[in-house]
Amino acid sequence: MNSLKKLDDLLEKGENWLIVLTGIAVCVIIFANAVMRHLLHTDFYGNEEITLFCAFWLYFTGSSVAAKKNTHINADMITMFTKNERTVDTFHLVRDVVSLGMAVAASIWSCQYVIWSGTMGAKSPVFKLPMLISQIPIMISFFLWTLYLIRDLARSINALKQAGEKPKEEG
């Protein structure tokens, strides 16, 4: 278990660096484009291409970090309607099962997409970079989402078990 924790910490450190570096790259490219266009009256051809590649890595790395930390946007309003722990835990279990199914489907689709794109040899229009550069983060992100949802499902099952073991309060 300790080696898994070390691997997870290393992955998180790498993700954080990737987010910072790609975030800086996107800002620098957009700034450079603005300076070139408005001050130098010239165009930075291909800037959209590089920005797109960086943005894909930024966005999908950020989404996997959000999934890991459970800080992504969700619409969990069940606690507004009930305070019953068992009902809330059951809802969370159903949510995690559905989410896991969707993540597995998206992981399979993204793997197929990356393989298909690789066989097609798609290249970017200006710099002729392989389009796989912007597609691989999709596959990685969905794979990590799947792992984190397996973790969340296990937590939901444990929470539901613990709620079932608590003595019922009489009121």
N, C-alpha and C. Protein backbone atom coordinates (compact mmCIF):
# COMPACT_ATOMS: atom_id res chain seq x y z
N MET A 1 0.82 -1.19 0.00
CA MET A 1 0.00 0.00 0.00
C MET A 1 0.86 1.26 0.00
N ASN A 2 2.02 1.17 0.64
CA ASN A 2 2.92 2.31 0.71
C ASN A 2 3.45 2.68 -0.67
N SER A 3 3.73 1.67 -1.49
CA SER A 3 4.23 1.95 -2.85
C SER A 3 3.14 2.59 -3.70
N LEU A 4 1.87 2.22 -3.47
CA LEU A 4 0.76 2.86 -4.17
C LEU A 4 0.65 4.32 -3.79
N LYS A 5 0.85 4.62 -2.52
CA LYS A 5 0.80 6.00 -2.04
C LYS A 5 1.93 6.81 -2.68
N LYS A 6 3.12 6.23 -2.75
CA LYS A 6 4.25 6.92 -3.37
C LYS A 6 3.97 7.18 -4.85
N LEU A 7 3.42 6.18 -5.54
CA LEU A 7 3.08 6.33 -6.96
C LEU A 7 2.02 7.41 -7.14
N ASP A 8 1.03 7.42 -6.25
CA ASP A 8 -0.03 8.43 -6.31
C ASP A 8 0.53 9.83 -6.07
N ASP A 9 1.43 9.95 -5.10
CA ASP A 9 2.06 11.25 -4.81
C ASP A 9 2.91 11.73 -5.99
N LEU A 10 3.64 10.80 -6.62
CA LEU A 10 4.45 11.14 -7.78
C LEU A 10 3.56 11.58 -8.95
N LEU A 11 2.46 10.87 -9.16
CA LEU A 11 1.52 11.22 -10.22
C LEU A 11 0.93 12.60 -9.96
N GLU A 12 0.55 12.87 -8.72
CA GLU A 12 -0.01 14.18 -8.38
C GLU A 12 1.00 15.30 -8.58
N LYS A 13 2.24 15.06 -8.19
CA LYS A 13 3.28 16.07 -8.39
C LYS A 13 3.47 16.34 -9.89
N GLY A 14 3.51 15.29 -10.70
CA GLY A 14 3.64 15.45 -12.14
C GLY A 14 2.45 16.18 -12.74
N GLU A 15 1.25 15.84 -12.28
CA GLU A 15 0.05 16.52 -12.76
C GLU A 15 0.08 18.01 -12.41
N ASN A 16 0.47 18.31 -11.19
CA ASN A 16 0.52 19.71 -10.77
C ASN A 16 1.52 20.50 -11.61
N TRP A 17 2.70 19.92 -11.87
CA TRP A 17 3.67 20.59 -12.71
C TRP A 17 3.14 20.78 -14.13
N LEU A 18 2.48 19.76 -14.64
CA LEU A 18 1.93 19.85 -16.00
C LEU A 18 0.86 20.95 -16.09
N ILE A 19 0.04 21.05 -15.06
CA ILE A 19 -0.99 22.11 -15.02
C ILE A 19 -0.34 23.49 -15.01
N VAL A 20 0.67 23.64 -14.17
CA VAL A 20 1.35 24.94 -14.08
C VAL A 20 2.04 25.28 -15.41
N LEU A 21 2.80 24.35 -15.95
CA LEU A 21 3.54 24.63 -17.18
C LEU A 21 2.62 24.88 -18.37
N THR A 22 1.58 24.09 -18.52
CA THR A 22 0.67 24.31 -19.66
C THR A 22 -0.16 25.57 -19.46
N GLY A 23 -0.50 25.88 -18.22
CA GLY A 23 -1.22 27.13 -17.94
C GLY A 23 -0.36 28.34 -18.29
N ILE A 24 0.91 28.28 -17.92
CA ILE A 24 1.83 29.37 -18.27
C ILE A 24 2.00 29.45 -19.79
N ALA A 25 2.14 28.30 -20.42
CA ALA A 25 2.33 28.28 -21.88
C ALA A 25 1.15 28.91 -22.60
N VAL A 26 -0.07 28.56 -22.19
CA VAL A 26 -1.27 29.13 -22.81
C VAL A 26 -1.27 30.66 -22.64
N CYS A 27 -0.98 31.12 -21.43
CA CYS A 27 -0.96 32.58 -21.17
C CYS A 27 0.12 33.27 -22.00
N VAL A 28 1.31 32.69 -22.06
CA VAL A 28 2.42 33.30 -22.80
C VAL A 28 2.09 33.35 -24.30
N ILE A 29 1.52 32.28 -24.84
CA ILE A 29 1.19 32.25 -26.26
C ILE A 29 0.13 33.30 -26.59
N ILE A 30 -0.90 33.38 -25.77
CA ILE A 30 -1.96 34.37 -26.01
C ILE A 30 -1.40 35.79 -25.89
N PHE A 31 -0.55 36.02 -24.88
CA PHE A 31 0.08 37.34 -24.71
C PHE A 31 0.98 37.68 -25.90
N ALA A 32 1.80 36.71 -26.31
CA ALA A 32 2.69 36.94 -27.45
C ALA A 32 1.90 37.24 -28.71
N ASN A 33 0.80 36.52 -28.90
CA ASN A 33 -0.05 36.77 -30.07
C ASN A 33 -0.62 38.18 -30.03
N ALA A 34 -1.08 38.61 -28.85
CA ALA A 34 -1.64 39.96 -28.72
C ALA A 34 -0.58 41.02 -29.00
N VAL A 35 0.62 40.84 -28.45
CA VAL A 35 1.70 41.79 -28.66
C VAL A 35 2.07 41.85 -30.14
N MET A 36 2.22 40.70 -30.75
CA MET A 36 2.60 40.67 -32.17
C MET A 36 1.53 41.31 -33.05
N ARG A 37 0.28 41.02 -32.74
CA ARG A 37 -0.80 41.53 -33.58
C ARG A 37 -1.00 43.03 -33.41
N HIS A 38 -0.98 43.52 -32.17
CA HIS A 38 -1.33 44.91 -31.92
C HIS A 38 -0.14 45.88 -31.89
N LEU A 39 1.01 45.42 -31.46
CA LEU A 39 2.16 46.31 -31.39
C LEU A 39 3.08 46.17 -32.60
N LEU A 40 3.26 44.95 -33.06
CA LEU A 40 4.18 44.72 -34.17
C LEU A 40 3.45 44.59 -35.51
N HIS A 41 2.14 44.58 -35.46
CA HIS A 41 1.30 44.48 -36.66
C HIS A 41 1.68 43.30 -37.55
N THR A 42 1.94 42.20 -36.90
CA THR A 42 2.24 40.96 -37.61
C THR A 42 1.43 39.84 -36.97
N ASP A 43 1.43 38.69 -37.58
CA ASP A 43 0.64 37.59 -37.07
C ASP A 43 1.55 36.46 -36.59
N PHE A 44 1.12 35.79 -35.57
CA PHE A 44 1.82 34.64 -35.01
C PHE A 44 1.11 33.40 -35.55
N TYR A 45 1.50 32.99 -36.75
CA TYR A 45 0.83 31.87 -37.39
C TYR A 45 1.06 30.59 -36.61
N GLY A 46 0.00 29.86 -36.45
CA GLY A 46 0.07 28.58 -35.76
C GLY A 46 -0.10 28.68 -34.26
N ASN A 47 -0.32 29.89 -33.73
CA ASN A 47 -0.45 30.02 -32.28
C ASN A 47 -1.66 29.25 -31.77
N GLU A 48 -2.74 29.20 -32.55
CA GLU A 48 -3.94 28.48 -32.13
C GLU A 48 -3.65 26.98 -31.96
N GLU A 49 -2.81 26.48 -32.84
CA GLU A 49 -2.45 25.06 -32.81
C GLU A 49 -1.70 24.72 -31.52
N ILE A 50 -0.70 25.51 -31.20
CA ILE A 50 0.09 25.27 -29.99
C ILE A 50 -0.77 25.48 -28.75
N THR A 51 -1.59 26.53 -28.78
CA THR A 51 -2.49 26.80 -27.65
C THR A 51 -3.44 25.63 -27.44
N LEU A 52 -3.97 25.09 -28.54
CA LEU A 52 -4.88 23.95 -28.44
C LEU A 52 -4.21 22.74 -27.80
N PHE A 53 -2.99 22.42 -28.22
CA PHE A 53 -2.28 21.29 -27.64
C PHE A 53 -2.06 21.49 -26.14
N CYS A 54 -1.59 22.68 -25.78
CA CYS A 54 -1.37 22.98 -24.35
C CYS A 54 -2.67 22.96 -23.57
N ALA A 55 -3.72 23.53 -24.16
CA ALA A 55 -5.01 23.62 -23.47
C ALA A 55 -5.61 22.24 -23.22
N PHE A 56 -5.45 21.32 -24.17
CA PHE A 56 -5.95 19.97 -23.97
C PHE A 56 -5.26 19.31 -22.78
N TRP A 57 -3.94 19.45 -22.72
CA TRP A 57 -3.22 18.87 -21.59
C TRP A 57 -3.61 19.56 -20.28
N LEU A 58 -3.76 20.87 -20.31
CA LEU A 58 -4.17 21.62 -19.12
C LEU A 58 -5.56 21.19 -18.66
N TYR A 59 -6.51 21.19 -19.56
CA TYR A 59 -7.90 20.89 -19.20
C TYR A 59 -8.06 19.46 -18.70
N PHE A 60 -7.54 18.50 -19.44
CA PHE A 60 -7.77 17.11 -19.06
C PHE A 60 -6.94 16.68 -17.86
N THR A 61 -5.76 17.27 -17.68
CA THR A 61 -5.00 17.00 -16.46
C THR A 61 -5.74 17.60 -15.26
N GLY A 62 -6.26 18.80 -15.44
CA GLY A 62 -7.04 19.43 -14.37
C GLY A 62 -8.28 18.64 -14.02
N SER A 63 -8.92 18.05 -15.02
CA SER A 63 -10.13 17.26 -14.74
C SER A 63 -9.80 16.00 -13.94
N SER A 64 -8.66 15.39 -14.22
CA SER A 64 -8.31 14.19 -13.45
C SER A 64 -7.91 14.55 -12.02
N VAL A 65 -7.27 15.70 -11.84
CA VAL A 65 -6.95 16.15 -10.48
C VAL A 65 -8.23 16.47 -9.72
N ALA A 66 -9.18 17.10 -10.39
CA ALA A 66 -10.47 17.40 -9.75
C ALA A 66 -11.19 16.11 -9.36
N ALA A 67 -11.11 15.10 -10.21
CA ALA A 67 -11.74 13.82 -9.89
C ALA A 67 -11.06 13.17 -8.69
N LYS A 68 -9.76 13.26 -8.64
CA LYS A 68 -9.03 12.67 -7.52
C LYS A 68 -9.42 13.33 -6.20
N LYS A 69 -9.50 14.66 -6.23
CA LYS A 69 -9.76 15.40 -4.99
C LYS A 69 -11.24 15.63 -4.74
N ASN A 70 -12.07 15.14 -5.65
CA ASN A 70 -13.52 15.30 -5.56
C ASN A 70 -13.92 16.78 -5.51
N THR A 71 -13.24 17.58 -6.32
CA THR A 71 -13.53 19.01 -6.35
C THR A 71 -14.16 19.44 -7.67
N HIS A 72 -14.54 18.46 -8.48
CA HIS A 72 -15.18 18.78 -9.75
C HIS A 72 -16.61 19.24 -9.50
N ILE A 73 -17.19 19.85 -10.49
CA ILE A 73 -18.56 20.36 -10.37
C ILE A 73 -19.53 19.18 -10.30
N ASN A 74 -20.43 19.22 -9.34
CA ASN A 74 -21.47 18.21 -9.28
C ASN A 74 -22.77 18.85 -8.80
N ALA A 75 -23.83 18.13 -8.98
CA ALA A 75 -25.16 18.64 -8.61
C ALA A 75 -25.76 17.75 -7.53
N ASP A 76 -25.00 17.53 -6.48
CA ASP A 76 -25.44 16.67 -5.39
C ASP A 76 -26.34 17.46 -4.44
N MET A 77 -27.64 17.40 -4.69
CA MET A 77 -28.59 18.15 -3.89
C MET A 77 -29.42 17.25 -2.97
N ILE A 78 -29.04 15.98 -2.87
CA ILE A 78 -29.83 15.03 -2.09
C ILE A 78 -29.95 15.46 -0.63
N THR A 79 -28.92 16.10 -0.10
CA THR A 79 -28.96 16.51 1.31
C THR A 79 -29.95 17.65 1.55
N MET A 80 -30.38 18.31 0.47
CA MET A 80 -31.41 19.35 0.61
C MET A 80 -32.79 18.73 0.84
N PHE A 81 -32.95 17.48 0.40
CA PHE A 81 -34.25 16.83 0.47
C PHE A 81 -34.39 15.84 1.62
N THR A 82 -33.28 15.34 2.11
CA THR A 82 -33.35 14.38 3.21
C THR A 82 -32.10 14.47 4.07
N LYS A 83 -32.27 14.17 5.32
CA LYS A 83 -31.14 14.12 6.25
C LYS A 83 -30.83 12.66 6.61
N ASN A 84 -31.62 11.73 6.07
CA ASN A 84 -31.43 10.32 6.35
C ASN A 84 -30.12 9.85 5.73
N GLU A 85 -29.18 9.43 6.58
CA GLU A 85 -27.86 9.03 6.12
C GLU A 85 -27.91 7.87 5.14
N ARG A 86 -28.78 6.92 5.42
CA ARG A 86 -28.88 5.73 4.55
C ARG A 86 -29.36 6.12 3.16
N THR A 87 -30.32 7.04 3.07
CA THR A 87 -30.81 7.50 1.78
C THR A 87 -29.72 8.24 1.03
N VAL A 88 -29.01 9.11 1.72
CA VAL A 88 -27.91 9.87 1.10
C VAL A 88 -26.82 8.91 0.62
N ASP A 89 -26.45 7.94 1.46
CA ASP A 89 -25.41 6.97 1.08
C ASP A 89 -25.85 6.10 -0.09
N THR A 90 -27.13 5.74 -0.13
CA THR A 90 -27.66 4.95 -1.25
C THR A 90 -27.60 5.76 -2.53
N PHE A 91 -28.00 7.03 -2.45
CA PHE A 91 -27.93 7.91 -3.61
C PHE A 91 -26.50 8.02 -4.11
N HIS A 92 -25.55 8.20 -3.19
CA HIS A 92 -24.14 8.31 -3.58
C HIS A 92 -23.64 7.03 -4.23
N LEU A 93 -24.10 5.89 -3.74
CA LEU A 93 -23.72 4.61 -4.35
C LEU A 93 -24.23 4.53 -5.79
N VAL A 94 -25.50 4.88 -5.99
CA VAL A 94 -26.08 4.85 -7.34
C VAL A 94 -25.34 5.83 -8.24
N ARG A 95 -25.07 7.02 -7.73
CA ARG A 95 -24.32 8.03 -8.50
C ARG A 95 -22.96 7.50 -8.93
N ASP A 96 -22.26 6.85 -8.00
CA ASP A 96 -20.93 6.35 -8.31
C ASP A 96 -20.96 5.18 -9.29
N VAL A 97 -21.98 4.34 -9.20
CA VAL A 97 -22.11 3.23 -10.16
C VAL A 97 -22.35 3.77 -11.57
N VAL A 98 -23.28 4.73 -11.68
CA VAL A 98 -23.58 5.33 -12.99
C VAL A 98 -22.35 6.07 -13.53
N SER A 99 -21.69 6.83 -12.67
CA SER A 99 -20.50 7.58 -13.09
C SER A 99 -19.39 6.64 -13.54
N LEU A 100 -19.21 5.55 -12.82
CA LEU A 100 -18.18 4.58 -13.18
C LEU A 100 -18.49 3.96 -14.54
N GLY A 101 -19.74 3.61 -14.77
CA GLY A 101 -20.14 3.07 -16.07
C GLY A 101 -19.83 4.04 -17.19
N MET A 102 -20.15 5.30 -16.96
CA MET A 102 -19.88 6.32 -17.98
C MET A 102 -18.37 6.51 -18.19
N ALA A 103 -17.61 6.48 -17.11
CA ALA A 103 -16.15 6.66 -17.22
C ALA A 103 -15.51 5.48 -17.95
N VAL A 104 -15.99 4.27 -17.68
CA VAL A 104 -15.46 3.10 -18.38
C VAL A 104 -15.77 3.21 -19.87
N ALA A 105 -17.01 3.60 -20.19
CA ALA A 105 -17.38 3.76 -21.61
C ALA A 105 -16.52 4.84 -22.27
N ALA A 106 -16.32 5.96 -21.58
CA ALA A 106 -15.49 7.04 -22.13
C ALA A 106 -14.03 6.61 -22.26
N SER A 107 -13.54 5.80 -21.33
CA SER A 107 -12.17 5.30 -21.41
C SER A 107 -11.99 4.39 -22.62
N ILE A 108 -12.95 3.51 -22.82
CA ILE A 108 -12.89 2.61 -23.98
C ILE A 108 -12.94 3.43 -25.27
N TRP A 109 -13.90 4.36 -25.32
CA TRP A 109 -14.03 5.20 -26.52
C TRP A 109 -12.75 5.98 -26.78
N SER A 110 -12.17 6.59 -25.74
CA SER A 110 -10.97 7.41 -25.95
C SER A 110 -9.79 6.56 -26.39
N CYS A 111 -9.68 5.33 -25.87
CA CYS A 111 -8.60 4.44 -26.33
C CYS A 111 -8.80 4.11 -27.81
N GLN A 112 -10.02 3.78 -28.18
CA GLN A 112 -10.31 3.49 -29.59
C GLN A 112 -10.02 4.71 -30.47
N TYR A 113 -10.39 5.87 -29.98
CA TYR A 113 -10.16 7.11 -30.73
C TYR A 113 -8.68 7.38 -30.94
N VAL A 114 -7.88 7.22 -29.88
CA VAL A 114 -6.44 7.46 -29.99
C VAL A 114 -5.81 6.44 -30.94
N ILE A 115 -6.22 5.18 -30.84
CA ILE A 115 -5.69 4.15 -31.75
C ILE A 115 -6.07 4.48 -33.19
N TRP A 116 -7.33 4.83 -33.40
CA TRP A 116 -7.79 5.17 -34.75
C TRP A 116 -7.03 6.37 -35.29
N SER A 117 -6.89 7.40 -34.46
CA SER A 117 -6.20 8.61 -34.88
C SER A 117 -4.73 8.31 -35.21
N GLY A 118 -4.13 7.44 -34.41
CA GLY A 118 -2.74 7.06 -34.67
C GLY A 118 -2.58 6.33 -35.99
N THR A 119 -3.53 5.47 -36.31
CA THR A 119 -3.45 4.76 -37.59
C THR A 119 -3.71 5.68 -38.77
N MET A 120 -4.49 6.74 -38.55
CA MET A 120 -4.78 7.70 -39.62
C MET A 120 -3.60 8.64 -39.85
N GLY A 121 -2.77 8.79 -38.85
CA GLY A 121 -1.60 9.66 -38.99
C GLY A 121 -1.96 11.13 -39.11
N ALA A 122 -3.04 11.54 -38.42
CA ALA A 122 -3.49 12.94 -38.51
C ALA A 122 -2.40 13.89 -37.99
N LYS A 123 -2.23 14.98 -38.70
CA LYS A 123 -1.23 15.99 -38.32
C LYS A 123 -1.90 17.36 -38.28
N SER A 124 -1.33 18.23 -37.47
CA SER A 124 -1.85 19.59 -37.37
C SER A 124 -1.55 20.35 -38.66
N PRO A 125 -2.40 21.32 -39.00
CA PRO A 125 -2.25 21.98 -40.31
C PRO A 125 -0.99 22.84 -40.47
N VAL A 126 -0.56 23.56 -39.44
CA VAL A 126 0.56 24.50 -39.60
C VAL A 126 1.91 23.85 -39.35
N PHE A 127 2.09 23.26 -38.17
CA PHE A 127 3.38 22.70 -37.79
C PHE A 127 3.51 21.21 -38.08
N LYS A 128 2.45 20.60 -38.57
CA LYS A 128 2.44 19.17 -38.92
C LYS A 128 2.80 18.29 -37.73
N LEU A 129 2.34 18.69 -36.54
CA LEU A 129 2.55 17.89 -35.33
C LEU A 129 1.50 16.80 -35.30
N PRO A 130 1.84 15.64 -34.74
CA PRO A 130 0.83 14.57 -34.64
C PRO A 130 -0.33 15.02 -33.75
N MET A 131 -1.55 14.80 -34.22
CA MET A 131 -2.72 15.17 -33.45
C MET A 131 -2.84 14.35 -32.16
N LEU A 132 -2.10 13.26 -32.10
CA LEU A 132 -2.09 12.45 -30.88
C LEU A 132 -1.64 13.27 -29.67
N ILE A 133 -0.84 14.30 -29.90
CA ILE A 133 -0.35 15.15 -28.80
C ILE A 133 -1.54 15.74 -28.04
N SER A 134 -2.60 16.10 -28.75
CA SER A 134 -3.76 16.68 -28.08
C SER A 134 -4.81 15.65 -27.73
N GLN A 135 -4.67 14.41 -28.18
CA GLN A 135 -5.69 13.39 -27.93
C GLN A 135 -5.32 12.44 -26.80
N ILE A 136 -4.05 12.23 -26.59
CA ILE A 136 -3.62 11.33 -25.51
C ILE A 136 -4.08 11.80 -24.13
N PRO A 137 -4.08 13.12 -23.84
CA PRO A 137 -4.56 13.52 -22.50
C PRO A 137 -6.02 13.16 -22.25
N ILE A 138 -6.82 13.06 -23.30
CA ILE A 138 -8.22 12.64 -23.13
C ILE A 138 -8.25 11.23 -22.59
N MET A 139 -7.47 10.35 -23.21
CA MET A 139 -7.43 8.94 -22.80
C MET A 139 -6.89 8.81 -21.37
N ILE A 140 -5.81 9.51 -21.08
CA ILE A 140 -5.23 9.45 -19.73
C ILE A 140 -6.23 9.94 -18.69
N SER A 141 -6.89 11.05 -18.99
CA SER A 141 -7.85 11.63 -18.05
C SER A 141 -9.00 10.67 -17.75
N PHE A 142 -9.57 10.07 -18.79
CA PHE A 142 -10.68 9.15 -18.56
C PHE A 142 -10.23 7.89 -17.83
N PHE A 143 -9.02 7.43 -18.09
CA PHE A 143 -8.48 6.29 -17.36
C PHE A 143 -8.34 6.63 -15.88
N LEU A 144 -7.79 7.81 -15.59
CA LEU A 144 -7.64 8.22 -14.18
C LEU A 144 -9.00 8.44 -13.52
N TRP A 145 -9.95 9.04 -14.28
CA TRP A 145 -11.31 9.20 -13.75
C TRP A 145 -11.87 7.83 -13.35
N THR A 146 -11.66 6.83 -14.19
CA THR A 146 -12.15 5.49 -13.89
C THR A 146 -11.55 4.96 -12.60
N LEU A 147 -10.24 5.12 -12.44
CA LEU A 147 -9.59 4.67 -11.20
C LEU A 147 -10.16 5.39 -9.98
N TYR A 148 -10.32 6.70 -10.09
CA TYR A 148 -10.82 7.47 -8.96
C TYR A 148 -12.29 7.12 -8.66
N LEU A 149 -13.05 6.81 -9.68
CA LEU A 149 -14.45 6.41 -9.45
C LEU A 149 -14.55 5.02 -8.83
N ILE A 150 -13.61 4.15 -9.13
CA ILE A 150 -13.56 2.86 -8.44
C ILE A 150 -13.32 3.11 -6.95
N ARG A 151 -12.39 4.02 -6.66
CA ARG A 151 -12.12 4.40 -5.26
C ARG A 151 -13.38 4.97 -4.60
N ASP A 152 -14.07 5.88 -5.31
CA ASP A 152 -15.27 6.51 -4.77
C ASP A 152 -16.38 5.49 -4.56
N LEU A 153 -16.49 4.54 -5.47
CA LEU A 153 -17.50 3.49 -5.33
C LEU A 153 -17.21 2.64 -4.09
N ALA A 154 -15.95 2.31 -3.88
CA ALA A 154 -15.57 1.55 -2.68
C ALA A 154 -15.90 2.34 -1.42
N ARG A 155 -15.65 3.64 -1.44
CA ARG A 155 -16.00 4.49 -0.28
C ARG A 155 -17.50 4.52 -0.06
N SER A 156 -18.27 4.61 -1.13
CA SER A 156 -19.73 4.64 -1.01
C SER A 156 -20.27 3.34 -0.46
N ILE A 157 -19.70 2.22 -0.90
CA ILE A 157 -20.12 0.91 -0.38
C ILE A 157 -19.82 0.83 1.11
N ASN A 158 -18.62 1.28 1.51
CA ASN A 158 -18.25 1.26 2.93
C ASN A 158 -19.16 2.18 3.76
N ALA A 159 -19.48 3.35 3.23
CA ALA A 159 -20.36 4.28 3.95
C ALA A 159 -21.75 3.68 4.12
N LEU A 160 -22.24 3.01 3.09
CA LEU A 160 -23.56 2.38 3.18
C LEU A 160 -23.55 1.22 4.17
N LYS A 161 -22.47 0.46 4.18
CA LYS A 161 -22.35 -0.64 5.16
C LYS A 161 -22.33 -0.10 6.58
N GLN A 162 -21.56 0.99 6.78
CA GLN A 162 -21.47 1.57 8.12
C GLN A 162 -22.80 2.18 8.55
N ALA A 163 -23.54 2.77 7.62
CA ALA A 163 -24.86 3.32 7.95
C ALA A 163 -25.82 2.21 8.34
N GLY A 164 -25.67 1.04 7.70
CA GLY A 164 -26.53 -0.11 8.03
C GLY A 164 -26.20 -0.72 9.37
N GLU A 165 -24.96 -0.53 9.83
CA GLU A 165 -24.55 -1.10 11.11
C GLU A 165 -24.89 -0.22 12.30
N LYS A 166 -25.20 1.06 12.04
CA LYS A 166 -25.53 1.98 13.13
C LYS A 166 -26.91 1.63 13.68
N PRO A 167 -27.07 1.72 15.00
CA PRO A 167 -28.41 1.48 15.55
C PRO A 167 -29.37 2.59 15.12
N LYS A 168 -30.59 2.20 14.83
CA LYS A 168 -31.59 3.17 14.39
C LYS A 168 -32.03 4.02 15.57
N GLU A 169 -32.12 5.31 15.29
CA GLU A 169 -32.56 6.25 16.33
C GLU A 169 -34.09 6.26 16.35
N GLU A 170 -34.63 6.24 17.53
CA GLU A 170 -36.07 6.33 17.66
C GLU A 170 -36.42 7.77 17.95
N GLY A 171 -37.44 8.24 17.28
CA GLY A 171 -37.75 9.64 17.48
C GLY A 171 -39.17 9.81 17.59
